[in-house]
Amino acid sequence: MDMSSRTQGELQIVTINAQRIDAAVAIQFKDGMRAETEGPARRVILDLSQVDFIDSSGLGAIVAAMKQLGPGRKLDLAGLTTTVESVFRLTRMDTVFALFPTLDAALMAQAS
């Protein structure tokens, strides 16, 4: 799973550089997220702007990534395409994660 990250103080941005998070890459995604988020950042923003498909395995992998952050750390999602956002809303996962239309919107929420 191709992902990259950068840290700004207590904020970390993880960008997924792939079009799909599905059963074929769910384990790689979880392992990659574990490696990328080992640092102390209290808030992690997952930039999904390049992802245009997610299935239940991908959804489960994102939930697992949130849980592995542990207490006191937060995972927010940014840049969801219409298709990906609809999966989160249909499964009521929009009540678990803060969803932001763009990375900039997520960053502005941090500032306020």
PDB file of N, CA and C in Angstrom:
ATOM      1  N   MET A   1       0.864  -1.175   0.000  1.00  0.00           N
ATOM      2  CA  MET A   1       0.000   0.000   0.000  1.00  0.00           C
ATOM      3  C   MET A   1       0.900   1.224   0.000  1.00  0.00           C
ATOM      4  N   ASP A   2       0.691   2.081  -0.958  1.00  0.00           N
ATOM      5  CA  ASP A   2       1.499   3.290  -1.094  1.00  0.00           C
ATOM      6  C   ASP A   2       0.873   4.406  -0.261  1.00  0.00           C
ATOM      7  N   MET A   3       1.615   4.839   0.759  1.00  0.00           N
ATOM      8  CA  MET A   3       1.173   5.949   1.597  1.00  0.00           C
ATOM      9  C   MET A   3       2.378   6.783   1.994  1.00  0.00           C
ATOM     10  N   SER A   4       2.119   8.028   2.309  1.00  0.00           N
ATOM     11  CA  SER A   4       3.176   8.922   2.764  1.00  0.00           C
ATOM     12  C   SER A   4       2.629   9.740   3.924  1.00  0.00           C
ATOM     13  N   SER A   5       3.539  10.284   4.720  1.00  0.00           N
ATOM     14  CA  SER A   5       3.068  11.089   5.846  1.00  0.00           C
ATOM     15  C   SER A   5       4.020  12.227   6.141  1.00  0.00           C
ATOM     16  N   ARG A   6       3.453  13.207   6.814  1.00  0.00           N
ATOM     17  CA  ARG A   6       4.258  14.327   7.313  1.00  0.00           C
ATOM     18  C   ARG A   6       3.688  14.755   8.654  1.00  0.00           C
ATOM     19  N   THR A   7       4.541  15.286   9.486  1.00  0.00           N
ATOM     20  CA  THR A   7       4.138  15.678  10.828  1.00  0.00           C
ATOM     21  C   THR A   7       4.327  17.177  11.003  1.00  0.00           C
ATOM     22  N   GLN A   8       3.332  17.796  11.632  1.00  0.00           N
ATOM     23  CA  GLN A   8       3.394  19.217  11.971  1.00  0.00           C
ATOM     24  C   GLN A   8       3.040  19.325  13.444  1.00  0.00           C
ATOM     25  N   GLY A   9       4.035  19.357  14.311  1.00  0.00           N
ATOM     26  CA  GLY A   9       3.788  19.423  15.751  1.00  0.00           C
ATOM     27  C   GLY A   9       3.056  18.189  16.232  1.00  0.00           C
ATOM     28  N   GLU A  10       1.878  18.391  16.827  1.00  0.00           N
ATOM     29  CA  GLU A  10       1.096  17.269  17.340  1.00  0.00           C
ATOM     30  C   GLU A  10       0.109  16.744  16.306  1.00  0.00           C
ATOM     31  N   LEU A  11       0.306  17.133  15.053  1.00  0.00           N
ATOM     32  CA  LEU A  11      -0.580  16.732  13.960  1.00  0.00           C
ATOM     33  C   LEU A  11       0.221  15.934  12.937  1.00  0.00           C
ATOM     34  N   GLN A  12      -0.351  14.824  12.491  1.00  0.00           N
ATOM     35  CA  GLN A  12       0.271  14.031  11.441  1.00  0.00           C
ATOM     36  C   GLN A  12      -0.739  13.841  10.318  1.00  0.00           C
ATOM     37  N   ILE A  13      -0.268  14.003   9.086  1.00  0.00           N
ATOM     38  CA  ILE A  13      -1.113  13.795   7.914  1.00  0.00           C
ATOM     39  C   ILE A  13      -0.585  12.578   7.182  1.00  0.00           C
ATOM     40  N   VAL A  14      -1.457  11.580   7.014  1.00  0.00           N
ATOM     41  CA  VAL A  14      -1.112  10.379   6.257  1.00  0.00           C
ATOM     42  C   VAL A  14      -1.927  10.411   4.971  1.00  0.00           C
ATOM     43  N   THR A  15      -1.237  10.387   3.838  1.00  0.00           N
ATOM     44  CA  THR A  15      -1.890  10.425   2.536  1.00  0.00           C
ATOM     45  C   THR A  15      -1.835   9.045   1.903  1.00  0.00           C
ATOM     46  N   ILE A  16      -2.989   8.570   1.473  1.00  0.00           N
ATOM     47  CA  ILE A  16      -3.069   7.291   0.773  1.00  0.00           C
ATOM     48  C   ILE A  16      -2.905   7.565  -0.714  1.00  0.00           C
ATOM     49  N   ASN A  17      -1.861   7.005  -1.304  1.00  0.00           N
ATOM     50  CA  ASN A  17      -1.563   7.210  -2.718  1.00  0.00           C
ATOM     51  C   ASN A  17      -2.019   5.987  -3.522  1.00  0.00           C
ATOM     52  N   ALA A  18      -3.293   5.662  -3.395  1.00  0.00           N
ATOM     53  CA  ALA A  18      -3.872   4.515  -4.090  1.00  0.00           C
ATOM     54  C   ALA A  18      -5.341   4.807  -4.355  1.00  0.00           C
ATOM     55  N   GLN A  19      -5.914   4.114  -5.343  1.00  0.00           N
ATOM     56  CA  GLN A  19      -7.309   4.348  -5.690  1.00  0.00           C
ATOM     57  C   GLN A  19      -8.273   3.478  -4.905  1.00  0.00           C
ATOM     58  N   ARG A  20      -7.778   2.400  -4.298  1.00  0.00           N
ATOM     59  CA  ARG A  20      -8.668   1.455  -3.618  1.00  0.00           C
ATOM     60  C   ARG A  20      -8.117   1.051  -2.254  1.00  0.00           C
ATOM     61  N   ILE A  21      -9.032   0.911  -1.298  1.00  0.00           N
ATOM     62  CA  ILE A  21      -8.724   0.244  -0.034  1.00  0.00           C
ATOM     63  C   ILE A  21      -9.757  -0.874   0.063  1.00  0.00           C
ATOM     64  N   ASP A  22      -9.316  -2.076  -0.255  1.00  0.00           N
ATOM     65  CA  ASP A  22     -10.234  -3.208  -0.300  1.00  0.00           C
ATOM     66  C   ASP A  22      -9.570  -4.441   0.308  1.00  0.00           C
ATOM     67  N   ALA A  23     -10.227  -5.577   0.181  1.00  0.00           N
ATOM     68  CA  ALA A  23      -9.727  -6.813   0.787  1.00  0.00           C
ATOM     69  C   ALA A  23      -8.309  -7.149   0.329  1.00  0.00           C
ATOM     70  N   ALA A  24      -7.978  -6.809  -0.905  1.00  0.00           N
ATOM     71  CA  ALA A  24      -6.656  -7.142  -1.447  1.00  0.00           C
ATOM     72  C   ALA A  24      -5.521  -6.383  -0.754  1.00  0.00           C
ATOM     73  N   VAL A  25      -5.812  -5.226  -0.179  1.00  0.00           N
ATOM     74  CA  VAL A  25      -4.748  -4.406   0.428  1.00  0.00           C
ATOM     75  C   VAL A  25      -5.008  -4.063   1.898  1.00  0.00           C
ATOM     76  N   ALA A  26      -6.083  -4.590   2.481  1.00  0.00           N
ATOM     77  CA  ALA A  26      -6.453  -4.202   3.853  1.00  0.00           C
ATOM     78  C   ALA A  26      -5.334  -4.492   4.850  1.00  0.00           C
ATOM     79  N   ILE A  27      -4.696  -5.648   4.773  1.00  0.00           N
ATOM     80  CA  ILE A  27      -3.627  -5.984   5.727  1.00  0.00           C
ATOM     81  C   ILE A  27      -2.428  -5.069   5.510  1.00  0.00           C
ATOM     82  N   GLN A  28      -2.084  -4.807   4.255  1.00  0.00           N
ATOM     83  CA  GLN A  28      -0.983  -3.885   3.966  1.00  0.00           C
ATOM     84  C   GLN A  28      -1.303  -2.492   4.491  1.00  0.00           C
ATOM     85  N   PHE A  29      -2.561  -2.076   4.341  1.00  0.00           N
ATOM     86  CA  PHE A  29      -2.971  -0.771   4.851  1.00  0.00           C
ATOM     87  C   PHE A  29      -2.778  -0.700   6.359  1.00  0.00           C
ATOM     88  N   LYS A  30      -3.269  -1.706   7.086  1.00  0.00           N
ATOM     89  CA  LYS A  30      -3.137  -1.708   8.556  1.00  0.00           C
ATOM     90  C   LYS A  30      -1.673  -1.679   8.972  1.00  0.00           C
ATOM     91  N   ASP A  31      -0.845  -2.504   8.325  1.00  0.00           N
ATOM     92  CA  ASP A  31       0.587  -2.529   8.649  1.00  0.00           C
ATOM     93  C   ASP A  31       1.245  -1.190   8.344  1.00  0.00           C
ATOM     94  N   GLY A  32       0.886  -0.601   7.205  1.00  0.00           N
ATOM     95  CA  GLY A  32       1.442   0.703   6.830  1.00  0.00           C
ATOM     96  C   GLY A  32       1.031   1.790   7.800  1.00  0.00           C
ATOM     97  N   MET A  33      -0.233   1.782   8.201  1.00  0.00           N
ATOM     98  CA  MET A  33      -0.708   2.783   9.170  1.00  0.00           C
ATOM     99  C   MET A  33      -0.010   2.615  10.516  1.00  0.00           C
ATOM    100  N   ARG A  34       0.180   1.382  10.937  1.00  0.00           N
ATOM    101  CA  ARG A  34       0.876   1.135  12.208  1.00  0.00           C
ATOM    102  C   ARG A  34       2.286   1.727  12.146  1.00  0.00           C
ATOM    103  N   ALA A  35       2.989   1.479  11.045  1.00  0.00           N
ATOM    104  CA  ALA A  35       4.350   1.991  10.892  1.00  0.00           C
ATOM    105  C   ALA A  35       4.374   3.516  10.803  1.00  0.00           C
ATOM    106  N   GLU A  36       3.449   4.099  10.051  1.00  0.00           N
ATOM    107  CA  GLU A  36       3.433   5.548   9.852  1.00  0.00           C
ATOM    108  C   GLU A  36       3.036   6.310  11.121  1.00  0.00           C
ATOM    109  N   THR A  37       2.213   5.719  11.969  1.00  0.00           N
ATOM    110  CA  THR A  37       1.663   6.455  13.117  1.00  0.00           C
ATOM    111  C   THR A  37       2.296   6.046  14.446  1.00  0.00           C
ATOM    112  N   GLU A  38       3.510   5.539  14.398  1.00  0.00           N
ATOM    113  CA  GLU A  38       4.196   5.170  15.639  1.00  0.00           C
ATOM    114  C   GLU A  38       4.581   6.378  16.485  1.00  0.00           C
ATOM    115  N   GLY A  39       4.667   7.532  15.869  1.00  0.00           N
ATOM    116  CA  GLY A  39       5.081   8.743  16.579  1.00  0.00           C
ATOM    117  C   GLY A  39       4.050   9.223  17.582  1.00  0.00           C
ATOM    118  N   PRO A  40       4.339  10.342  18.232  1.00  0.00           N
ATOM    119  CA  PRO A  40       3.484  10.842  19.316  1.00  0.00           C
ATOM    120  C   PRO A  40       2.341  11.766  18.883  1.00  0.00           C
ATOM    121  N   ALA A  41       2.128  11.948  17.584  1.00  0.00           N
ATOM    122  CA  ALA A  41       1.101  12.889  17.135  1.00  0.00           C
ATOM    123  C   ALA A  41      -0.245  12.554  17.775  1.00  0.00           C
ATOM    124  N   ARG A  42      -0.883  13.564  18.358  1.00  0.00           N
ATOM    125  CA  ARG A  42      -2.151  13.349  19.057  1.00  0.00           C
ATOM    126  C   ARG A  42      -3.332  13.291  18.078  1.00  0.00           C
ATOM    127  N   ARG A  43      -3.166  13.930  16.906  1.00  0.00           N
ATOM    128  CA  ARG A  43      -4.224  13.900  15.896  1.00  0.00           C
ATOM    129  C   ARG A  43      -3.620  13.452  14.570  1.00  0.00           C
ATOM    130  N   VAL A  44      -4.250  12.471  13.956  1.00  0.00           N
ATOM    131  CA  VAL A  44      -3.825  11.974  12.654  1.00  0.00           C
ATOM    132  C   VAL A  44      -4.962  12.245  11.669  1.00  0.00           C
ATOM    133  N   ILE A  45      -4.617  12.881  10.559  1.00  0.00           N
ATOM    134  CA  ILE A  45      -5.588  13.100   9.489  1.00  0.00           C
ATOM    135  C   ILE A  45      -5.241  12.135   8.359  1.00  0.00           C
ATOM    136  N   LEU A  46      -6.195  11.326   7.986  1.00  0.00           N
ATOM    137  CA  LEU A  46      -6.022  10.393   6.886  1.00  0.00           C
ATOM    138  C   LEU A  46      -6.585  11.042   5.628  1.00  0.00           C
ATOM    139  N   ASP A  47      -5.703  11.384   4.699  1.00  0.00           N
ATOM    140  CA  ASP A  47      -6.097  12.038   3.449  1.00  0.00           C
ATOM    141  C   ASP A  47      -6.468  10.953   2.434  1.00  0.00           C
ATOM    142  N   LEU A  48      -7.765  10.855   2.145  1.00  0.00           N
ATOM    143  CA  LEU A  48      -8.289   9.822   1.247  1.00  0.00           C
ATOM    144  C   LEU A  48      -8.671  10.396  -0.124  1.00  0.00           C
ATOM    145  N   SER A  49      -8.134  11.545  -0.480  1.00  0.00           N
ATOM    146  CA  SER A  49      -8.567  12.220  -1.702  1.00  0.00           C
ATOM    147  C   SER A  49      -8.264  11.433  -2.981  1.00  0.00           C
ATOM    148  N   GLN A  50      -7.306  10.518  -2.948  1.00  0.00           N
ATOM    149  CA  GLN A  50      -6.993   9.720  -4.135  1.00  0.00           C
ATOM    150  C   GLN A  50      -7.743   8.385  -4.161  1.00  0.00           C
ATOM    151  N   VAL A  51      -8.450   8.072  -3.075  1.00  0.00           N
ATOM    152  CA  VAL A  51      -9.163   6.797  -2.967  1.00  0.00           C
ATOM    153  C   VAL A  51     -10.568   6.958  -3.559  1.00  0.00           C
ATOM    154  N   ASP A  52     -10.881   6.134  -4.553  1.00  0.00           N
ATOM    155  CA  ASP A  52     -12.224   6.228  -5.135  1.00  0.00           C
ATOM    156  C   ASP A  52     -13.072   4.982  -4.880  1.00  0.00           C
ATOM    157  N   PHE A  53     -12.522   3.997  -4.151  1.00  0.00           N
ATOM    158  CA  PHE A  53     -13.294   2.802  -3.807  1.00  0.00           C
ATOM    159  C   PHE A  53     -12.833   2.263  -2.462  1.00  0.00           C
ATOM    160  N   ILE A  54     -13.810   1.899  -1.634  1.00  0.00           N
ATOM    161  CA  ILE A  54     -13.511   1.243  -0.361  1.00  0.00           C
ATOM    162  C   ILE A  54     -14.587   0.187  -0.137  1.00  0.00           C
ATOM    163  N   ASP A  55     -14.173  -0.984   0.342  1.00  0.00           N
ATOM    164  CA  ASP A  55     -15.157  -2.020   0.659  1.00  0.00           C
ATOM    165  C   ASP A  55     -15.157  -2.251   2.170  1.00  0.00           C
ATOM    166  N   SER A  56     -15.901  -3.262   2.607  1.00  0.00           N
ATOM    167  CA  SER A  56     -16.019  -3.493   4.054  1.00  0.00           C
ATOM    168  C   SER A  56     -14.676  -3.842   4.689  1.00  0.00           C
ATOM    169  N   SER A  57     -13.807  -4.517   3.957  1.00  0.00           N
ATOM    170  CA  SER A  57     -12.476  -4.823   4.493  1.00  0.00           C
ATOM    171  C   SER A  57     -11.661  -3.545   4.674  1.00  0.00           C
ATOM    172  N   GLY A  58     -11.772  -2.633   3.721  1.00  0.00           N
ATOM    173  CA  GLY A  58     -11.081  -1.358   3.832  1.00  0.00           C
ATOM    174  C   GLY A  58     -11.618  -0.523   4.980  1.00  0.00           C
ATOM    175  N   LEU A  59     -12.933  -0.547   5.134  1.00  0.00           N
ATOM    176  CA  LEU A  59     -13.569   0.160   6.247  1.00  0.00           C
ATOM    177  C   LEU A  59     -13.069  -0.410   7.575  1.00  0.00           C
ATOM    178  N   GLY A  60     -13.031  -1.729   7.665  1.00  0.00           N
ATOM    179  CA  GLY A  60     -12.526  -2.384   8.879  1.00  0.00           C
ATOM    180  C   GLY A  60     -11.070  -2.044   9.148  1.00  0.00           C
ATOM    181  N   ALA A  61     -10.286  -1.925   8.096  1.00  0.00           N
ATOM    182  CA  ALA A  61      -8.869  -1.588   8.253  1.00  0.00           C
ATOM    183  C   ALA A  61      -8.705  -0.172   8.800  1.00  0.00           C
ATOM    184  N   ILE A  62      -9.555   0.749   8.366  1.00  0.00           N
ATOM    185  CA  ILE A  62      -9.482   2.126   8.886  1.00  0.00           C
ATOM    186  C   ILE A  62      -9.912   2.157  10.349  1.00  0.00           C
ATOM    187  N   VAL A  63     -10.933   1.389  10.708  1.00  0.00           N
ATOM    188  CA  VAL A  63     -11.353   1.289  12.112  1.00  0.00           C
ATOM    189  C   VAL A  63     -10.209   0.704  12.947  1.00  0.00           C
ATOM    190  N   ALA A  64      -9.556  -0.332  12.431  1.00  0.00           N
ATOM    191  CA  ALA A  64      -8.423  -0.945  13.144  1.00  0.00           C
ATOM    192  C   ALA A  64      -7.290   0.060  13.328  1.00  0.00           C
ATOM    193  N   ALA A  65      -7.051   0.891  12.306  1.00  0.00           N
ATOM    194  CA  ALA A  65      -6.003   1.916  12.407  1.00  0.00           C
ATOM    195  C   ALA A  65      -6.338   2.921  13.499  1.00  0.00           C
ATOM    196  N   MET A  66      -7.616   3.279  13.606  1.00  0.00           N
ATOM    197  CA  MET A  66      -8.043   4.198  14.656  1.00  0.00           C
ATOM    198  C   MET A  66      -7.798   3.563  16.032  1.00  0.00           C
ATOM    199  N   LYS A  67      -8.171   2.303  16.170  1.00  0.00           N
ATOM    200  CA  LYS A  67      -8.021   1.629  17.462  1.00  0.00           C
ATOM    201  C   LYS A  67      -6.560   1.463  17.854  1.00  0.00           C
ATOM    202  N   GLN A  68      -5.686   1.221  16.890  1.00  0.00           N
ATOM    203  CA  GLN A  68      -4.279   1.025  17.226  1.00  0.00           C
ATOM    204  C   GLN A  68      -3.601   2.330  17.651  1.00  0.00           C
ATOM    205  N   LEU A  69      -4.232   3.469  17.371  1.00  0.00           N
ATOM    206  CA  LEU A  69      -3.674   4.729  17.863  1.00  0.00           C
ATOM    207  C   LEU A  69      -3.719   4.795  19.383  1.00  0.00           C
ATOM    208  N   GLY A  70      -4.720   4.163  19.965  1.00  0.00           N
ATOM    209  CA  GLY A  70      -4.839   4.138  21.417  1.00  0.00           C
ATOM    210  C   GLY A  70      -5.544   5.357  21.965  1.00  0.00           C
ATOM    211  N   PRO A  71      -5.712   5.376  23.297  1.00  0.00           N
ATOM    212  CA  PRO A  71      -6.434   6.481  23.946  1.00  0.00           C
ATOM    213  C   PRO A  71      -5.676   7.808  23.825  1.00  0.00           C
ATOM    214  N   GLY A  72      -6.443   8.884  23.741  1.00  0.00           N
ATOM    215  CA  GLY A  72      -5.829  10.204  23.690  1.00  0.00           C
ATOM    216  C   GLY A  72      -5.356  10.622  22.308  1.00  0.00           C
ATOM    217  N   ARG A  73      -5.542   9.757  21.320  1.00  0.00           N
ATOM    218  CA  ARG A  73      -5.165  10.086  19.942  1.00  0.00           C
ATOM    219  C   ARG A  73      -6.392   9.964  19.059  1.00  0.00           C
ATOM    220  N   LYS A  74      -6.461  10.798  18.036  1.00  0.00           N
ATOM    221  CA  LYS A  74      -7.663  10.876  17.212  1.00  0.00           C
ATOM    222  C   LYS A  74      -7.315  10.685  15.740  1.00  0.00           C
ATOM    223  N   LEU A  75      -8.185   9.973  15.012  1.00  0.00           N
ATOM    224  CA  LEU A  75      -8.041   9.796  13.573  1.00  0.00           C
ATOM    225  C   LEU A  75      -9.216  10.477  12.879  1.00  0.00           C
ATOM    226  N   ASP A  76      -8.920  11.487  12.067  1.00  0.00           N
ATOM    227  CA  ASP A  76      -9.928  12.176  11.271  1.00  0.00           C
ATOM    228  C   ASP A  76      -9.700  11.828   9.805  1.00  0.00           C
ATOM    229  N   LEU A  77     -10.758  11.895   9.003  1.00  0.00           N
ATOM    230  CA  LEU A  77     -10.689  11.543   7.588  1.00  0.00           C
ATOM    231  C   LEU A  77     -10.971  12.768   6.733  1.00  0.00           C
ATOM    232  N   ALA A  78     -10.158  12.948   5.700  1.00  0.00           N
ATOM    233  CA  ALA A  78     -10.303  14.127   4.847  1.00  0.00           C
ATOM    234  C   ALA A  78     -10.273  13.741   3.374  1.00  0.00           C
ATOM    235  N   GLY A  79     -10.938  14.560   2.562  1.00  0.00           N
ATOM    236  CA  GLY A  79     -10.872  14.417   1.117  1.00  0.00           C
ATOM    237  C   GLY A  79     -11.624  13.221   0.564  1.00  0.00           C
ATOM    238  N   LEU A  80     -12.685  12.812   1.228  1.00  0.00           N
ATOM    239  CA  LEU A  80     -13.436  11.648   0.762  1.00  0.00           C
ATOM    240  C   LEU A  80     -14.181  11.960  -0.530  1.00  0.00           C
ATOM    241  N   THR A  81     -14.045  11.082  -1.517  1.00  0.00           N
ATOM    242  CA  THR A  81     -14.835  11.222  -2.738  1.00  0.00           C
ATOM    243  C   THR A  81     -16.290  10.924  -2.382  1.00  0.00           C
ATOM    244  N   THR A  82     -17.193  11.266  -3.273  1.00  0.00           N
ATOM    245  CA  THR A  82     -18.619  11.030  -3.030  1.00  0.00           C
ATOM    246  C   THR A  82     -18.888   9.557  -2.751  1.00  0.00           C
ATOM    247  N   THR A  83     -18.271   8.679  -3.522  1.00  0.00           N
ATOM    248  CA  THR A  83     -18.476   7.231  -3.359  1.00  0.00           C
ATOM    249  C   THR A  83     -17.978   6.748  -2.004  1.00  0.00           C
ATOM    250  N   VAL A  84     -16.782   7.162  -1.632  1.00  0.00           N
ATOM    251  CA  VAL A  84     -16.202   6.729  -0.352  1.00  0.00           C
ATOM    252  C   VAL A  84     -16.997   7.316   0.814  1.00  0.00           C
ATOM    253  N   GLU A  85     -17.367   8.573   0.712  1.00  0.00           N
ATOM    254  CA  GLU A  85     -18.147   9.197   1.779  1.00  0.00           C
ATOM    255  C   GLU A  85     -19.484   8.484   1.966  1.00  0.00           C
ATOM    256  N   SER A  86     -20.108   8.062   0.876  1.00  0.00           N
ATOM    257  CA  SER A  86     -21.397   7.372   0.993  1.00  0.00           C
ATOM    258  C   SER A  86     -21.257   6.054   1.743  1.00  0.00           C
ATOM    259  N   VAL A  87     -20.136   5.359   1.579  1.00  0.00           N
ATOM    260  CA  VAL A  87     -19.905   4.119   2.334  1.00  0.00           C
ATOM    261  C   VAL A  87     -19.842   4.425   3.829  1.00  0.00           C
ATOM    262  N   PHE A  88     -19.142   5.494   4.208  1.00  0.00           N
ATOM    263  CA  PHE A  88     -19.045   5.863   5.619  1.00  0.00           C
ATOM    264  C   PHE A  88     -20.406   6.265   6.184  1.00  0.00           C
ATOM    265  N   ARG A  89     -21.195   6.975   5.407  1.00  0.00           N
ATOM    266  CA  ARG A  89     -22.513   7.403   5.884  1.00  0.00           C
ATOM    267  C   ARG A  89     -23.500   6.236   5.947  1.00  0.00           C
ATOM    268  N   LEU A  90     -23.501   5.376   4.939  1.00  0.00           N
ATOM    269  CA  LEU A  90     -24.416   4.230   4.934  1.00  0.00           C
ATOM    270  C   LEU A  90     -24.157   3.264   6.085  1.00  0.00           C
ATOM    271  N   THR A  91     -22.895   3.148   6.477  1.00  0.00           N
ATOM    272  CA  THR A  91     -22.532   2.246   7.579  1.00  0.00           C
ATOM    273  C   THR A  91     -22.519   2.965   8.932  1.00  0.00           C
ATOM    274  N   ARG A  92     -22.925   4.231   8.918  1.00  0.00           N
ATOM    275  CA  ARG A  92     -22.975   5.068  10.136  1.00  0.00           C
ATOM    276  C   ARG A  92     -21.586   5.301  10.741  1.00  0.00           C
ATOM    277  N   MET A  93     -20.551   5.093   9.979  1.00  0.00           N
ATOM    278  CA  MET A  93     -19.195   5.350  10.455  1.00  0.00           C
ATOM    279  C   MET A  93     -18.906   6.844  10.515  1.00  0.00           C
ATOM    280  N   ASP A  94     -19.814   7.657   9.937  1.00  0.00           N
ATOM    281  CA  ASP A  94     -19.665   9.104  10.059  1.00  0.00           C
ATOM    282  C   ASP A  94     -19.945   9.556  11.484  1.00  0.00           C
ATOM    283  N   THR A  95     -20.480   8.659  12.325  1.00  0.00           N
ATOM    284  CA  THR A  95     -20.674   8.982  13.740  1.00  0.00           C
ATOM    285  C   THR A  95     -19.432   8.621  14.559  1.00  0.00           C
ATOM    286  N   VAL A  96     -18.533   7.855  13.952  1.00  0.00           N
ATOM    287  CA  VAL A  96     -17.303   7.430  14.627  1.00  0.00           C
ATOM    288  C   VAL A  96     -16.139   8.345  14.260  1.00  0.00           C
ATOM    289  N   PHE A  97     -16.092   8.744  13.000  1.00  0.00           N
ATOM    290  CA  PHE A  97     -15.004   9.573  12.484  1.00  0.00           C
ATOM    291  C   PHE A  97     -15.523  10.966  12.132  1.00  0.00           C
ATOM    292  N   ALA A  98     -14.654  11.956  12.312  1.00  0.00           N
ATOM    293  CA  ALA A  98     -14.938  13.289  11.771  1.00  0.00           C
ATOM    294  C   ALA A  98     -14.551  13.243  10.302  1.00  0.00           C
ATOM    295  N   LEU A  99     -15.497  13.589   9.421  1.00  0.00           N
ATOM    296  CA  LEU A  99     -15.268  13.585   7.978  1.00  0.00           C
ATOM    297  C   LEU A  99     -15.153  15.024   7.486  1.00  0.00           C
ATOM    298  N   PHE A 100     -14.100  15.301   6.743  1.00  0.00           N
ATOM    299  CA  PHE A 100     -13.884  16.637   6.203  1.00  0.00           C
ATOM    300  C   PHE A 100     -13.810  16.551   4.678  1.00  0.00           C
ATOM    301  N   PRO A 101     -14.438  17.492   3.969  1.00  0.00           N
ATOM    302  CA  PRO A 101     -14.468  17.410   2.506  1.00  0.00           C
ATOM    303  C   PRO A 101     -13.082  17.548   1.862  1.00  0.00           C
ATOM    304  N   THR A 102     -12.195  18.291   2.527  1.00  0.00           N
ATOM    305  CA  THR A 102     -10.845  18.499   1.993  1.00  0.00           C
ATOM    306  C   THR A 102      -9.835  18.443   3.138  1.00  0.00           C
ATOM    307  N   LEU A 103      -8.574  18.286   2.777  1.00  0.00           N
ATOM    308  CA  LEU A 103      -7.512  18.326   3.778  1.00  0.00           C
ATOM    309  C   LEU A 103      -7.449  19.705   4.407  1.00  0.00           C
ATOM    310  N   ASP A 104      -7.624  20.755   3.610  1.00  0.00           N
ATOM    311  CA  ASP A 104      -7.603  22.121   4.146  1.00  0.00           C
ATOM    312  C   ASP A 104      -8.693  22.321   5.205  1.00  0.00           C
ATOM    313  N   ALA A 105      -9.883  21.769   4.945  1.00  0.00           N
ATOM    314  CA  ALA A 105     -10.974  21.879   5.929  1.00  0.00           C
ATOM    315  C   ALA A 105     -10.597  21.182   7.226  1.00  0.00           C
ATOM    316  N   ALA A 106      -9.955  20.036   7.134  1.00  0.00           N
ATOM    317  CA  ALA A 106      -9.511  19.315   8.333  1.00  0.00           C
ATOM    318  C   ALA A 106      -8.448  20.121   9.089  1.00  0.00           C
ATOM    319  N   LEU A 107      -7.542  20.736   8.352  1.00  0.00           N
ATOM    320  CA  LEU A 107      -6.496  21.537   8.988  1.00  0.00           C
ATOM    321  C   LEU A 107      -7.082  22.781   9.649  1.00  0.00           C
ATOM    322  N   MET A 108      -8.090  23.381   9.026  1.00  0.00           N
ATOM    323  CA  MET A 108      -8.729  24.556   9.613  1.00  0.00           C
ATOM    324  C   MET A 108      -9.475  24.178  10.889  1.00  0.00           C
ATOM    325  N   ALA A 109     -10.049  22.987  10.939  1.00  0.00           N
ATOM    326  CA  ALA A 109     -10.729  22.516  12.148  1.00  0.00           C
ATOM    327  C   ALA A 109      -9.740  22.373  13.289  1.00  0.00           C
ATOM    328  N   GLN A 110      -8.508  22.044  12.973  1.00  0.00           N
ATOM    329  CA  GLN A 110      -7.443  21.936  13.972  1.00  0.00           C
ATOM    330  C   GLN A 110      -7.154  23.307  14.570  1.00  0.00           C
ATOM    331  N   ALA A 111      -7.127  24.321  13.692  1.00  0.00           N
ATOM    332  CA  ALA A 111      -6.756  25.665  14.133  1.00  0.00           C
ATOM    333  C   ALA A 111      -7.808  26.309  15.000  1.00  0.00           C
ATOM    334  N   SER A 112      -9.065  25.917  14.826  1.00  0.00           N
ATOM    335  CA  SER A 112     -10.135  26.587  15.581  1.00  0.00           C
ATOM    336  C   SER A 112     -10.428  25.905  16.894  1.00  0.00           C
TER     337      SER A 112
END
